[in-house]
Amino acid sequence: MKSIYEEAGGTYARQGNYELPNLIIPPEKEIEIGVWGQRYRRHLKQHHRIRYYNLLTAGTLNGHLAEIDQQAERLFQSLVSVLSEQENVTEKLKANRPMEWVQKMNSIRNRATKIVNSELIYI
C-alpha cells in the first residue's frame, strides 16, 4: 500500500532502519538583494522563524526579500527628497557651505533610515 506522499510522486531513501522522504526545496531565481532586504531577512530569521521557513521552503524567500528591498529603497529615497526640500538642503548650500550640507544630509538620511526600519523592516 502506497502512502499519500508516494502517490503524489514522492520517494523515500533508506537511512539505517528508517525510510526518510527525499525532500527537495524548489530552486529560486538568483535575485540580488540589497541592504534593506538583508536586514529584513535577518529580522525574519531571528523573530519570525515560522514565516521565514515557510517562505524558504516554498521557494519564494528571495522574491519576497527583493520586493521588500525595492519598497524600502523607494520609501527611503522619497523621504530623503521630501525632507531635504523641507529643510532647504540644496545644491546651492552644498556649493557654498559643504560641511553644513553634509551635516544636514547625514541627519536627514539617519531619520529616513529610522522611518524605513520602523515602517517596513522591523515589523
PDB file of N, CA and C in Angstrom:
ATOM      1  N   MET A   1       0.848  -1.182   0.000  1.00  0.00           N
ATOM      2  CA  MET A   1       0.000   0.000   0.000  1.00  0.00           C
ATOM      3  C   MET A   1       0.894   1.246   0.000  1.00  0.00           C
ATOM      4  N   LYS A   2       0.625   2.178  -0.933  1.00  0.00           N
ATOM      5  CA  LYS A   2       1.419   3.394  -1.045  1.00  0.00           C
ATOM      6  C   LYS A   2       0.892   4.468  -0.109  1.00  0.00           C
ATOM      7  N   SER A   3       1.846   5.266   0.396  1.00  0.00           N
ATOM      8  CA  SER A   3       1.452   6.392   1.237  1.00  0.00           C
ATOM      9  C   SER A   3       0.971   7.545   0.360  1.00  0.00           C
ATOM     10  N   ILE A   4       0.358   8.528   0.954  1.00  0.00           N
ATOM     11  CA  ILE A   4      -0.096   9.717   0.217  1.00  0.00           C
ATOM     12  C   ILE A   4       1.100  10.403  -0.431  1.00  0.00           C
ATOM     13  N   TYR A   5       2.202  10.415   0.272  1.00  0.00           N
ATOM     14  CA  TYR A   5       3.428  11.038  -0.256  1.00  0.00           C
ATOM     15  C   TYR A   5       3.904  10.324  -1.522  1.00  0.00           C
ATOM     16  N   GLU A   6       3.875   9.001  -1.510  1.00  0.00           N
ATOM     17  CA  GLU A   6       4.288   8.227  -2.688  1.00  0.00           C
ATOM     18  C   GLU A   6       3.300   8.393  -3.837  1.00  0.00           C
ATOM     19  N   GLU A   7       2.026   8.472  -3.528  1.00  0.00           N
ATOM     20  CA  GLU A   7       1.016   8.684  -4.567  1.00  0.00           C
ATOM     21  C   GLU A   7       1.180  10.042  -5.236  1.00  0.00           C
ATOM     22  N   ALA A   8       1.713  11.018  -4.503  1.00  0.00           N
ATOM     23  CA  ALA A   8       1.942  12.355  -5.050  1.00  0.00           C
ATOM     24  C   ALA A   8       3.271  12.442  -5.796  1.00  0.00           C
ATOM     25  N   GLY A   9       3.999  11.332  -5.882  1.00  0.00           N
ATOM     26  CA  GLY A   9       5.250  11.305  -6.627  1.00  0.00           C
ATOM     27  C   GLY A   9       6.483  11.371  -5.760  1.00  0.00           C
ATOM     28  N   GLY A  10       6.341  11.317  -4.458  1.00  0.00           N
ATOM     29  CA  GLY A  10       7.478  11.368  -3.553  1.00  0.00           C
ATOM     30  C   GLY A  10       8.170  10.027  -3.421  1.00  0.00           C
ATOM     31  N   THR A  11       9.419  10.071  -3.049  1.00  0.00           N
ATOM     32  CA  THR A  11      10.201   8.846  -2.853  1.00  0.00           C
ATOM     33  C   THR A  11      10.865   8.867  -1.487  1.00  0.00           C
ATOM     34  N   TYR A  12      11.307   7.691  -1.061  1.00  0.00           N
ATOM     35  CA  TYR A  12      11.980   7.548   0.225  1.00  0.00           C
ATOM     36  C   TYR A  12      13.396   7.025   0.017  1.00  0.00           C
ATOM     37  N   ALA A  13      14.269   7.336   0.970  1.00  0.00           N
ATOM     38  CA  ALA A  13      15.634   6.805   0.968  1.00  0.00           C
ATOM     39  C   ALA A  13      15.857   6.093   2.301  1.00  0.00           C
ATOM     40  N   ARG A  14      16.467   4.928   2.252  1.00  0.00           N
ATOM     41  CA  ARG A  14      16.712   4.176   3.481  1.00  0.00           C
ATOM     42  C   ARG A  14      17.954   4.719   4.179  1.00  0.00           C
ATOM     43  N   GLN A  15      17.825   5.042   5.456  1.00  0.00           N
ATOM     44  CA  GLN A  15      18.920   5.505   6.310  1.00  0.00           C
ATOM     45  C   GLN A  15      18.942   4.592   7.537  1.00  0.00           C
ATOM     46  N   GLY A  16      19.770   3.571   7.493  1.00  0.00           N
ATOM     47  CA  GLY A  16      19.799   2.607   8.598  1.00  0.00           C
ATOM     48  C   GLY A  16      18.509   1.810   8.608  1.00  0.00           C
ATOM     49  N   ASN A  17      17.763   1.866   9.724  1.00  0.00           N
ATOM     50  CA  ASN A  17      16.488   1.157   9.844  1.00  0.00           C
ATOM     51  C   ASN A  17      15.297   2.026   9.462  1.00  0.00           C
ATOM     52  N   TYR A  18      15.541   3.231   8.999  1.00  0.00           N
ATOM     53  CA  TYR A  18      14.455   4.172   8.726  1.00  0.00           C
ATOM     54  C   TYR A  18      14.385   4.515   7.245  1.00  0.00           C
ATOM     55  N   GLU A  19      13.188   4.800   6.781  1.00  0.00           N
ATOM     56  CA  GLU A  19      12.990   5.324   5.439  1.00  0.00           C
ATOM     57  C   GLU A  19      12.576   6.787   5.576  1.00  0.00           C
ATOM     58  N   LEU A  20      13.420   7.669   5.062  1.00  0.00           N
ATOM     59  CA  LEU A  20      13.164   9.103   5.157  1.00  0.00           C
ATOM     60  C   LEU A  20      12.763   9.648   3.798  1.00  0.00           C
ATOM     61  N   PRO A  21      11.820  10.601   3.764  1.00  0.00           N
ATOM     62  CA  PRO A  21      11.406  11.151   2.470  1.00  0.00           C
ATOM     63  C   PRO A  21      12.525  11.976   1.833  1.00  0.00           C
ATOM     64  N   ASN A  22      12.613  11.905   0.512  1.00  0.00           N
ATOM     65  CA  ASN A  22      13.564  12.721  -0.245  1.00  0.00           C
ATOM     66  C   ASN A  22      12.907  14.075  -0.510  1.00  0.00           C
ATOM     67  N   LEU A  23      13.202  15.014   0.333  1.00  0.00           N
ATOM     68  CA  LEU A  23      12.612  16.345   0.191  1.00  0.00           C
ATOM     69  C   LEU A  23      13.572  17.245  -0.562  1.00  0.00           C
ATOM     70  N   ILE A  24      13.039  17.962  -1.525  1.00  0.00           N
ATOM     71  CA  ILE A  24      13.853  18.863  -2.327  1.00  0.00           C
ATOM     72  C   ILE A  24      13.202  20.234  -2.299  1.00  0.00           C
ATOM     73  N   ILE A  25      13.983  21.240  -1.930  1.00  0.00           N
ATOM     74  CA  ILE A  25      13.487  22.613  -1.943  1.00  0.00           C
ATOM     75  C   ILE A  25      13.503  23.097  -3.384  1.00  0.00           C
ATOM     76  N   PRO A  26      12.387  23.679  -3.843  1.00  0.00           N
ATOM     77  CA  PRO A  26      12.371  24.146  -5.226  1.00  0.00           C
ATOM     78  C   PRO A  26      13.411  25.240  -5.456  1.00  0.00           C
ATOM     79  N   PRO A  27      14.035  25.247  -6.634  1.00  0.00           N
ATOM     80  CA  PRO A  27      15.066  26.258  -6.900  1.00  0.00           C
ATOM     81  C   PRO A  27      14.462  27.652  -7.016  1.00  0.00           C
ATOM     82  N   GLU A  28      15.213  28.632  -6.543  1.00  0.00           N
ATOM     83  CA  GLU A  28      14.789  30.022  -6.633  1.00  0.00           C
ATOM     84  C   GLU A  28      15.632  30.735  -7.666  1.00  0.00           C
ATOM     85  N   LYS A  29      15.049  31.781  -8.238  1.00  0.00           N
ATOM     86  CA  LYS A  29      15.817  32.607  -9.164  1.00  0.00           C
ATOM     87  C   LYS A  29      16.868  33.381  -8.383  1.00  0.00           C
ATOM     88  N   GLU A  30      18.012  33.592  -9.028  1.00  0.00           N
ATOM     89  CA  GLU A  30      19.060  34.398  -8.418  1.00  0.00           C
ATOM     90  C   GLU A  30      18.659  35.865  -8.524  1.00  0.00           C
ATOM     91  N   ILE A  31      18.371  36.470  -7.404  1.00  0.00           N
ATOM     92  CA  ILE A  31      17.965  37.869  -7.346  1.00  0.00           C
ATOM     93  C   ILE A  31      18.913  38.575  -6.395  1.00  0.00           C
ATOM     94  N   GLU A  32      19.413  39.720  -6.818  1.00  0.00           N
ATOM     95  CA  GLU A  32      20.294  40.486  -5.941  1.00  0.00           C
ATOM     96  C   GLU A  32      19.447  41.201  -4.895  1.00  0.00           C
ATOM     97  N   ILE A  33      19.826  41.023  -3.659  1.00  0.00           N
ATOM     98  CA  ILE A  33      19.077  41.606  -2.544  1.00  0.00           C
ATOM     99  C   ILE A  33      19.971  42.640  -1.873  1.00  0.00           C
ATOM    100  N   GLY A  34      19.438  43.843  -1.733  1.00  0.00           N
ATOM    101  CA  GLY A  34      20.203  44.949  -1.168  1.00  0.00           C
ATOM    102  C   GLY A  34      20.208  44.938   0.352  1.00  0.00           C
ATOM    103  N   VAL A  35      20.670  46.036   0.904  1.00  0.00           N
ATOM    104  CA  VAL A  35      20.844  46.143   2.351  1.00  0.00           C
ATOM    105  C   VAL A  35      19.505  46.036   3.092  1.00  0.00           C
ATOM    106  N   TRP A  36      18.448  46.604   2.530  1.00  0.00           N
ATOM    107  CA  TRP A  36      17.150  46.545   3.208  1.00  0.00           C
ATOM    108  C   TRP A  36      16.634  45.112   3.243  1.00  0.00           C
ATOM    109  N   GLY A  37      16.763  44.392   2.149  1.00  0.00           N
ATOM    110  CA  GLY A  37      16.327  43.003   2.097  1.00  0.00           C
ATOM    111  C   GLY A  37      17.127  42.111   3.030  1.00  0.00           C
ATOM    112  N   GLN A  38      18.417  42.389   3.157  1.00  0.00           N
ATOM    113  CA  GLN A  38      19.249  41.604   4.062  1.00  0.00           C
ATOM    114  C   GLN A  38      18.873  41.869   5.521  1.00  0.00           C
ATOM    115  N   ARG A  39      18.576  43.122   5.832  1.00  0.00           N
ATOM    116  CA  ARG A  39      18.113  43.433   7.202  1.00  0.00           C
ATOM    117  C   ARG A  39      16.805  42.715   7.491  1.00  0.00           C
ATOM    118  N   TYR A  40      15.906  42.747   6.500  1.00  0.00           N
ATOM    119  CA  TYR A  40      14.608  42.101   6.682  1.00  0.00           C
ATOM    120  C   TYR A  40      14.769  40.594   6.837  1.00  0.00           C
ATOM    121  N   ARG A  41      15.674  39.980   6.061  1.00  0.00           N
ATOM    122  CA  ARG A  41      15.940  38.543   6.189  1.00  0.00           C
ATOM    123  C   ARG A  41      16.423  38.216   7.607  1.00  0.00           C
ATOM    124  N   ARG A  42      17.378  39.009   8.101  1.00  0.00           N
ATOM    125  CA  ARG A  42      17.915  38.769   9.443  1.00  0.00           C
ATOM    126  C   ARG A  42      16.808  38.903  10.492  1.00  0.00           C
ATOM    127  N   HIS A  43      15.937  39.905  10.327  1.00  0.00           N
ATOM    128  CA  HIS A  43      14.834  40.102  11.269  1.00  0.00           C
ATOM    129  C   HIS A  43      13.858  38.926  11.219  1.00  0.00           C
ATOM    130  N   LEU A  44      13.493  38.495  10.008  1.00  0.00           N
ATOM    131  CA  LEU A  44      12.592  37.346   9.887  1.00  0.00           C
ATOM    132  C   LEU A  44      13.194  36.104  10.532  1.00  0.00           C
ATOM    133  N   LYS A  45      14.460  35.861  10.246  1.00  0.00           N
ATOM    134  CA  LYS A  45      15.113  34.646  10.751  1.00  0.00           C
ATOM    135  C   LYS A  45      15.189  34.637  12.274  1.00  0.00           C
ATOM    136  N   GLN A  46      15.379  35.804  12.880  1.00  0.00           N
ATOM    137  CA  GLN A  46      15.518  35.873  14.336  1.00  0.00           C
ATOM    138  C   GLN A  46      14.178  35.948  15.059  1.00  0.00           C
ATOM    139  N   HIS A  47      13.199  36.659  14.490  1.00  0.00           N
ATOM    140  CA  HIS A  47      11.972  36.959  15.231  1.00  0.00           C
ATOM    141  C   HIS A  47      10.707  36.341  14.650  1.00  0.00           C
ATOM    142  N   HIS A  48      10.732  35.917  13.400  1.00  0.00           N
ATOM    143  CA  HIS A  48       9.559  35.318  12.757  1.00  0.00           C
ATOM    144  C   HIS A  48       9.995  34.049  12.026  1.00  0.00           C
ATOM    145  N   ARG A  49      10.472  33.087  12.773  1.00  0.00           N
ATOM    146  CA  ARG A  49      11.074  31.886  12.187  1.00  0.00           C
ATOM    147  C   ARG A  49      10.103  31.092  11.322  1.00  0.00           C
ATOM    148  N   ILE A  50       8.865  30.972  11.768  1.00  0.00           N
ATOM    149  CA  ILE A  50       7.900  30.174  11.010  1.00  0.00           C
ATOM    150  C   ILE A  50       7.666  30.792   9.636  1.00  0.00           C
ATOM    151  N   ARG A  51       7.462  32.098   9.584  1.00  0.00           N
ATOM    152  CA  ARG A  51       7.254  32.774   8.306  1.00  0.00           C
ATOM    153  C   ARG A  51       8.498  32.642   7.421  1.00  0.00           C
ATOM    154  N   TYR A  52       9.672  32.815   8.029  1.00  0.00           N
ATOM    155  CA  TYR A  52      10.933  32.695   7.281  1.00  0.00           C
ATOM    156  C   TYR A  52      11.048  31.312   6.637  1.00  0.00           C
ATOM    157  N   TYR A  53      10.820  30.257   7.416  1.00  0.00           N
ATOM    158  CA  TYR A  53      10.976  28.909   6.883  1.00  0.00           C
ATOM    159  C   TYR A  53       9.855  28.544   5.909  1.00  0.00           C
ATOM    160  N   ASN A  54       8.663  29.102   6.095  1.00  0.00           N
ATOM    161  CA  ASN A  54       7.599  28.878   5.116  1.00  0.00           C
ATOM    162  C   ASN A  54       7.970  29.483   3.766  1.00  0.00           C
ATOM    163  N   LEU A  55       8.493  30.717   3.781  1.00  0.00           N
ATOM    164  CA  LEU A  55       8.926  31.356   2.537  1.00  0.00           C
ATOM    165  C   LEU A  55      10.100  30.593   1.917  1.00  0.00           C
ATOM    166  N   LEU A  56      11.023  30.146   2.752  1.00  0.00           N
ATOM    167  CA  LEU A  56      12.199  29.426   2.269  1.00  0.00           C
ATOM    168  C   LEU A  56      11.815  28.109   1.606  1.00  0.00           C
ATOM    169  N   THR A  57      10.983  27.318   2.271  1.00  0.00           N
ATOM    170  CA  THR A  57      10.618  26.013   1.723  1.00  0.00           C
ATOM    171  C   THR A  57       9.663  26.122   0.538  1.00  0.00           C
ATOM    172  N   ALA A  58       8.931  27.223   0.434  1.00  0.00           N
ATOM    173  CA  ALA A  58       8.049  27.419  -0.725  1.00  0.00           C
ATOM    174  C   ALA A  58       8.832  27.921  -1.935  1.00  0.00           C
ATOM    175  N   GLY A  59      10.084  28.337  -1.705  1.00  0.00           N
ATOM    176  CA  GLY A  59      10.902  28.834  -2.805  1.00  0.00           C
ATOM    177  C   GLY A  59      10.604  30.276  -3.171  1.00  0.00           C
ATOM    178  N   THR A  60      10.007  31.025  -2.248  1.00  0.00           N
ATOM    179  CA  THR A  60       9.637  32.415  -2.543  1.00  0.00           C
ATOM    180  C   THR A  60      10.370  33.429  -1.677  1.00  0.00           C
ATOM    181  N   LEU A  61      11.331  32.987  -0.888  1.00  0.00           N
ATOM    182  CA  LEU A  61      12.012  33.897   0.033  1.00  0.00           C
ATOM    183  C   LEU A  61      12.759  35.004  -0.701  1.00  0.00           C
ATOM    184  N   ASN A  62      13.569  34.651  -1.703  1.00  0.00           N
ATOM    185  CA  ASN A  62      14.350  35.675  -2.400  1.00  0.00           C
ATOM    186  C   ASN A  62      13.470  36.692  -3.098  1.00  0.00           C
ATOM    187  N   GLY A  63      12.390  36.250  -3.718  1.00  0.00           N
ATOM    188  CA  GLY A  63      11.465  37.180  -4.369  1.00  0.00           C
ATOM    189  C   GLY A  63      10.834  38.125  -3.370  1.00  0.00           C
ATOM    190  N   HIS A  64      10.446  37.589  -2.220  1.00  0.00           N
ATOM    191  CA  HIS A  64       9.839  38.410  -1.175  1.00  0.00           C
ATOM    192  C   HIS A  64      10.842  39.427  -0.639  1.00  0.00           C
ATOM    193  N   LEU A  65      12.063  38.992  -0.395  1.00  0.00           N
ATOM    194  CA  LEU A  65      13.099  39.904   0.101  1.00  0.00           C
ATOM    195  C   LEU A  65      13.416  40.994  -0.914  1.00  0.00           C
ATOM    196  N   ALA A  66      13.460  40.640  -2.196  1.00  0.00           N
ATOM    197  CA  ALA A  66      13.730  41.629  -3.243  1.00  0.00           C
ATOM    198  C   ALA A  66      12.612  42.657  -3.315  1.00  0.00           C
ATOM    199  N   GLU A  67      11.379  42.206  -3.141  1.00  0.00           N
ATOM    200  CA  GLU A  67      10.240  43.134  -3.162  1.00  0.00           C
ATOM    201  C   GLU A  67      10.305  44.109  -1.990  1.00  0.00           C
ATOM    202  N   ILE A  68      10.584  43.599  -0.803  1.00  0.00           N
ATOM    203  CA  ILE A  68      10.722  44.454   0.380  1.00  0.00           C
ATOM    204  C   ILE A  68      11.880  45.425   0.192  1.00  0.00           C
ATOM    205  N   ASP A  69      12.979  44.944  -0.379  1.00  0.00           N
ATOM    206  CA  ASP A  69      14.148  45.784  -0.626  1.00  0.00           C
ATOM    207  C   ASP A  69      13.791  46.943  -1.553  1.00  0.00           C
ATOM    208  N   GLN A  70      13.051  46.664  -2.619  1.00  0.00           N
ATOM    209  CA  GLN A  70      12.663  47.718  -3.556  1.00  0.00           C
ATOM    210  C   GLN A  70      11.720  48.719  -2.912  1.00  0.00           C
ATOM    211  N   GLN A  71      10.744  48.233  -2.159  1.00  0.00           N
ATOM    212  CA  GLN A  71       9.813  49.136  -1.472  1.00  0.00           C
ATOM    213  C   GLN A  71      10.558  50.032  -0.491  1.00  0.00           C
ATOM    214  N   ALA A  72      11.460  49.448   0.264  1.00  0.00           N
ATOM    215  CA  ALA A  72      12.207  50.210   1.264  1.00  0.00           C
ATOM    216  C   ALA A  72      13.097  51.257   0.598  1.00  0.00           C
ATOM    217  N   GLU A  73      13.743  50.892  -0.496  1.00  0.00           N
ATOM    218  CA  GLU A  73      14.609  51.847  -1.186  1.00  0.00           C
ATOM    219  C   GLU A  73      13.802  53.016  -1.759  1.00  0.00           C
ATOM    220  N   ARG A  74      12.630  52.717  -2.339  1.00  0.00           N
ATOM    221  CA  ARG A  74      11.767  53.794  -2.852  1.00  0.00           C
ATOM    222  C   ARG A  74      11.316  54.723  -1.728  1.00  0.00           C
ATOM    223  N   LEU A  75      10.906  54.138  -0.602  1.00  0.00           N
ATOM    224  CA  LEU A  75      10.480  54.943   0.536  1.00  0.00           C
ATOM    225  C   LEU A  75      11.631  55.792   1.053  1.00  0.00           C
ATOM    226  N   PHE A  76      12.810  55.207   1.178  1.00  0.00           N
ATOM    227  CA  PHE A  76      13.983  55.930   1.669  1.00  0.00           C
ATOM    228  C   PHE A  76      14.307  57.115   0.758  1.00  0.00           C
ATOM    229  N   GLN A  77      14.342  56.882  -0.553  1.00  0.00           N
ATOM    230  CA  GLN A  77      14.671  57.955  -1.495  1.00  0.00           C
ATOM    231  C   GLN A  77      13.629  59.065  -1.454  1.00  0.00           C
ATOM    232  N   SER A  78      12.361  58.709  -1.367  1.00  0.00           N
ATOM    233  CA  SER A  78      11.327  59.749  -1.326  1.00  0.00           C
ATOM    234  C   SER A  78      11.391  60.535  -0.021  1.00  0.00           C
ATOM    235  N   LEU A  79      11.667  59.861   1.091  1.00  0.00           N
ATOM    236  CA  LEU A  79      11.796  60.566   2.371  1.00  0.00           C
ATOM    237  C   LEU A  79      12.973  61.531   2.354  1.00  0.00           C
ATOM    238  N   VAL A  80      14.103  61.092   1.823  1.00  0.00           N
ATOM    239  CA  VAL A  80      15.281  61.968   1.746  1.00  0.00           C
ATOM    240  C   VAL A  80      14.964  63.183   0.880  1.00  0.00           C
ATOM    241  N   SER A  81      14.289  62.956  -0.222  1.00  0.00           N
ATOM    242  CA  SER A  81      13.942  64.049  -1.125  1.00  0.00           C
ATOM    243  C   SER A  81      13.003  65.052  -0.453  1.00  0.00           C
ATOM    244  N   VAL A  82      11.953  64.554   0.178  1.00  0.00           N
ATOM    245  CA  VAL A  82      10.976  65.431   0.828  1.00  0.00           C
ATOM    246  C   VAL A  82      11.610  66.189   1.991  1.00  0.00           C
ATOM    247  N   LEU A  83      12.355  65.496   2.833  1.00  0.00           N
ATOM    248  CA  LEU A  83      12.967  66.150   3.985  1.00  0.00           C
ATOM    249  C   LEU A  83      14.016  67.182   3.568  1.00  0.00           C
ATOM    250  N   SER A  84      14.778  66.904   2.532  1.00  0.00           N
ATOM    251  CA  SER A  84      15.786  67.875   2.090  1.00  0.00           C
ATOM    252  C   SER A  84      15.119  69.117   1.501  1.00  0.00           C
ATOM    253  N   GLU A  85      13.977  68.950   0.828  1.00  0.00           N
ATOM    254  CA  GLU A  85      13.238  70.120   0.332  1.00  0.00           C
ATOM    255  C   GLU A  85      12.668  70.932   1.485  1.00  0.00           C
ATOM    256  N   GLN A  86      12.112  70.254   2.482  1.00  0.00           N
ATOM    257  CA  GLN A  86      11.524  70.949   3.627  1.00  0.00           C
ATOM    258  C   GLN A  86      12.560  71.747   4.408  1.00  0.00           C
ATOM    259  N   GLU A  87      13.779  71.235   4.474  1.00  0.00           N
ATOM    260  CA  GLU A  87      14.820  71.877   5.276  1.00  0.00           C
ATOM    261  C   GLU A  87      15.775  72.722   4.431  1.00  0.00           C
ATOM    262  N   ASN A  88      15.421  72.957   3.178  1.00  0.00           N
ATOM    263  CA  ASN A  88      16.224  73.784   2.265  1.00  0.00           C
ATOM    264  C   ASN A  88      17.676  73.310   2.147  1.00  0.00           C
ATOM    265  N   VAL A  89      17.846  72.034   2.013  1.00  0.00           N
ATOM    266  CA  VAL A  89      19.178  71.466   1.787  1.00  0.00           C
ATOM    267  C   VAL A  89      19.305  71.331   0.270  1.00  0.00           C
ATOM    268  N   THR A  90      19.951  72.304  -0.349  1.00  0.00           N
ATOM    269  CA  THR A  90      20.002  72.392  -1.805  1.00  0.00           C
ATOM    270  C   THR A  90      21.435  72.273  -2.320  1.00  0.00           C
ATOM    271  N   GLU A  91      21.542  72.261  -3.638  1.00  0.00           N
ATOM    272  CA  GLU A  91      22.858  72.238  -4.277  1.00  0.00           C
ATOM    273  C   GLU A  91      23.605  73.548  -4.009  1.00  0.00           C
ATOM    274  N   LYS A  92      22.858  74.631  -3.853  1.00  0.00           N
ATOM    275  CA  LYS A  92      23.479  75.928  -3.545  1.00  0.00           C
ATOM    276  C   LYS A  92      24.163  75.860  -2.178  1.00  0.00           C
ATOM    277  N   LEU A  93      23.478  75.260  -1.207  1.00  0.00           N
ATOM    278  CA  LEU A  93      24.067  75.093   0.127  1.00  0.00           C
ATOM    279  C   LEU A  93      25.293  74.183   0.038  1.00  0.00           C
ATOM    280  N   LYS A  94      25.207  73.163  -0.779  1.00  0.00           N
ATOM    281  CA  LYS A  94      26.325  72.230  -0.955  1.00  0.00           C
ATOM    282  C   LYS A  94      27.551  72.945  -1.516  1.00  0.00           C
ATOM    283  N   ALA A  95      27.326  73.866  -2.449  1.00  0.00           N
ATOM    284  CA  ALA A  95      28.441  74.597  -3.059  1.00  0.00           C
ATOM    285  C   ALA A  95      29.024  75.638  -2.115  1.00  0.00           C
ATOM    286  N   ASN A  96      28.159  76.323  -1.368  1.00  0.00           N
ATOM    287  CA  ASN A  96      28.609  77.422  -0.503  1.00  0.00           C
ATOM    288  C   ASN A  96      29.148  76.955   0.850  1.00  0.00           C
ATOM    289  N   ARG A  97      28.458  76.013   1.471  1.00  0.00           N
ATOM    290  CA  ARG A  97      28.861  75.528   2.806  1.00  0.00           C
ATOM    291  C   ARG A  97      28.779  74.006   2.839  1.00  0.00           C
ATOM    292  N   PRO A  98      29.783  73.351   2.286  1.00  0.00           N
ATOM    293  CA  PRO A  98      29.715  71.881   2.144  1.00  0.00           C
ATOM    294  C   PRO A  98      29.627  71.130   3.477  1.00  0.00           C
ATOM    295  N   MET A  99      30.296  71.595   4.505  1.00  0.00           N
ATOM    296  CA  MET A  99      30.249  70.880   5.797  1.00  0.00           C
ATOM    297  C   MET A  99      28.851  70.938   6.413  1.00  0.00           C
ATOM    298  N   GLU A 100      28.204  72.066   6.300  1.00  0.00           N
ATOM    299  CA  GLU A 100      26.834  72.192   6.811  1.00  0.00           C
ATOM    300  C   GLU A 100      25.894  71.283   6.009  1.00  0.00           C
ATOM    301  N   TRP A 101      26.115  71.229   4.685  1.00  0.00           N
ATOM    302  CA  TRP A 101      25.296  70.375   3.836  1.00  0.00           C
ATOM    303  C   TRP A 101      25.461  68.907   4.244  1.00  0.00           C
ATOM    304  N   VAL A 102      26.700  68.488   4.493  1.00  0.00           N
ATOM    305  CA  VAL A 102      26.959  67.101   4.903  1.00  0.00           C
ATOM    306  C   VAL A 102      26.273  66.795   6.229  1.00  0.00           C
ATOM    307  N   GLN A 103      26.348  67.708   7.182  1.00  0.00           N
ATOM    308  CA  GLN A 103      25.702  67.504   8.477  1.00  0.00           C
ATOM    309  C   GLN A 103      24.199  67.330   8.310  1.00  0.00           C
ATOM    310  N   LYS A 104      23.589  68.218   7.537  1.00  0.00           N
ATOM    311  CA  LYS A 104      22.138  68.153   7.358  1.00  0.00           C
ATOM    312  C   LYS A 104      21.723  66.898   6.595  1.00  0.00           C
ATOM    313  N   MET A 105      22.481  66.546   5.567  1.00  0.00           N
ATOM    314  CA  MET A 105      22.137  65.341   4.805  1.00  0.00           C
ATOM    315  C   MET A 105      22.304  64.077   5.646  1.00  0.00           C
ATOM    316  N   ASN A 106      23.335  64.022   6.473  1.00  0.00           N
ATOM    317  CA  ASN A 106      23.503  62.875   7.376  1.00  0.00           C
ATOM    318  C   ASN A 106      22.334  62.770   8.335  1.00  0.00           C
ATOM    319  N   SER A 107      21.889  63.908   8.857  1.00  0.00           N
ATOM    320  CA  SER A 107      20.744  63.920   9.759  1.00  0.00           C
ATOM    321  C   SER A 107      19.484  63.430   9.043  1.00  0.00           C
ATOM    322  N   ILE A 108      19.269  63.922   7.836  1.00  0.00           N
ATOM    323  CA  ILE A 108      18.094  63.524   7.060  1.00  0.00           C
ATOM    324  C   ILE A 108      18.140  62.027   6.741  1.00  0.00           C
ATOM    325  N   ARG A 109      19.294  61.535   6.300  1.00  0.00           N
ATOM    326  CA  ARG A 109      19.418  60.125   5.960  1.00  0.00           C
ATOM    327  C   ARG A 109      19.226  59.230   7.194  1.00  0.00           C
ATOM    328  N   ASN A 110      19.722  59.656   8.343  1.00  0.00           N
ATOM    329  CA  ASN A 110      19.537  58.877   9.571  1.00  0.00           C
ATOM    330  C   ASN A 110      18.061  58.807   9.951  1.00  0.00           C
ATOM    331  N   ARG A 111      17.356  59.933   9.856  1.00  0.00           N
ATOM    332  CA  ARG A 111      15.929  59.935  10.171  1.00  0.00           C
ATOM    333  C   ARG A 111      15.146  59.088   9.181  1.00  0.00           C
ATOM    334  N   ALA A 112      15.492  59.177   7.907  1.00  0.00           N
ATOM    335  CA  ALA A 112      14.810  58.375   6.886  1.00  0.00           C
ATOM    336  C   ALA A 112      15.059  56.881   7.128  1.00  0.00           C
ATOM    337  N   THR A 113      16.275  56.531   7.513  1.00  0.00           N
ATOM    338  CA  THR A 113      16.594  55.133   7.816  1.00  0.00           C
ATOM    339  C   THR A 113      15.756  54.621   8.978  1.00  0.00           C
ATOM    340  N   LYS A 114      15.619  55.424  10.017  1.00  0.00           N
ATOM    341  CA  LYS A 114      14.797  55.016  11.164  1.00  0.00           C
ATOM    342  C   LYS A 114      13.347  54.811  10.765  1.00  0.00           C
ATOM    343  N   ILE A 115      12.826  55.689   9.913  1.00  0.00           N
ATOM    344  CA  ILE A 115      11.437  55.558   9.470  1.00  0.00           C
ATOM    345  C   ILE A 115      11.251  54.286   8.649  1.00  0.00           C
ATOM    346  N   VAL A 116      12.148  54.033   7.709  1.00  0.00           N
ATOM    347  CA  VAL A 116      12.042  52.829   6.878  1.00  0.00           C
ATOM    348  C   VAL A 116      12.157  51.576   7.741  1.00  0.00           C
ATOM    349  N   ASN A 117      13.086  51.582   8.671  1.00  0.00           N
ATOM    350  CA  ASN A 117      13.233  50.423   9.562  1.00  0.00           C
ATOM    351  C   ASN A 117      11.958  50.169  10.347  1.00  0.00           C
ATOM    352  N   SER A 118      11.351  51.219  10.888  1.00  0.00           N
ATOM    353  CA  SER A 118      10.168  51.034  11.711  1.00  0.00           C
ATOM    354  C   SER A 118       8.908  50.718  10.888  1.00  0.00           C
ATOM    355  N   GLU A 119       8.847  51.215   9.640  1.00  0.00           N
ATOM    356  CA  GLU A 119       7.650  51.014   8.822  1.00  0.00           C
ATOM    357  C   GLU A 119       7.668  49.714   8.005  1.00  0.00           C
ATOM    358  N   LEU A 120       8.843  49.306   7.537  1.00  0.00           N
ATOM    359  CA  LEU A 120       8.908  48.135   6.648  1.00  0.00           C
ATOM    360  C   LEU A 120       9.750  46.982   7.147  1.00  0.00           C
ATOM    361  N   ILE A 121      10.864  47.271   7.772  1.00  0.00           N
ATOM    362  CA  ILE A 121      11.823  46.209   8.071  1.00  0.00           C
ATOM    363  C   ILE A 121      11.535  45.496   9.385  1.00  0.00           C
ATOM    364  N   TYR A 122      11.439  46.220  10.469  1.00  0.00           N
ATOM    365  CA  TYR A 122      11.292  45.602  11.794  1.00  0.00           C
ATOM    366  C   TYR A 122       9.852  45.603  12.249  1.00  0.00           C
ATOM    367  N   ILE A 123       8.983  44.968  11.471  1.00  0.00           N
ATOM    368  CA  ILE A 123       7.571  44.879  11.850  1.00  0.00           C
ATOM    369  C   ILE A 123       7.188  43.445  12.110  1.00  0.00           C
TER     370      ILE A 123
END
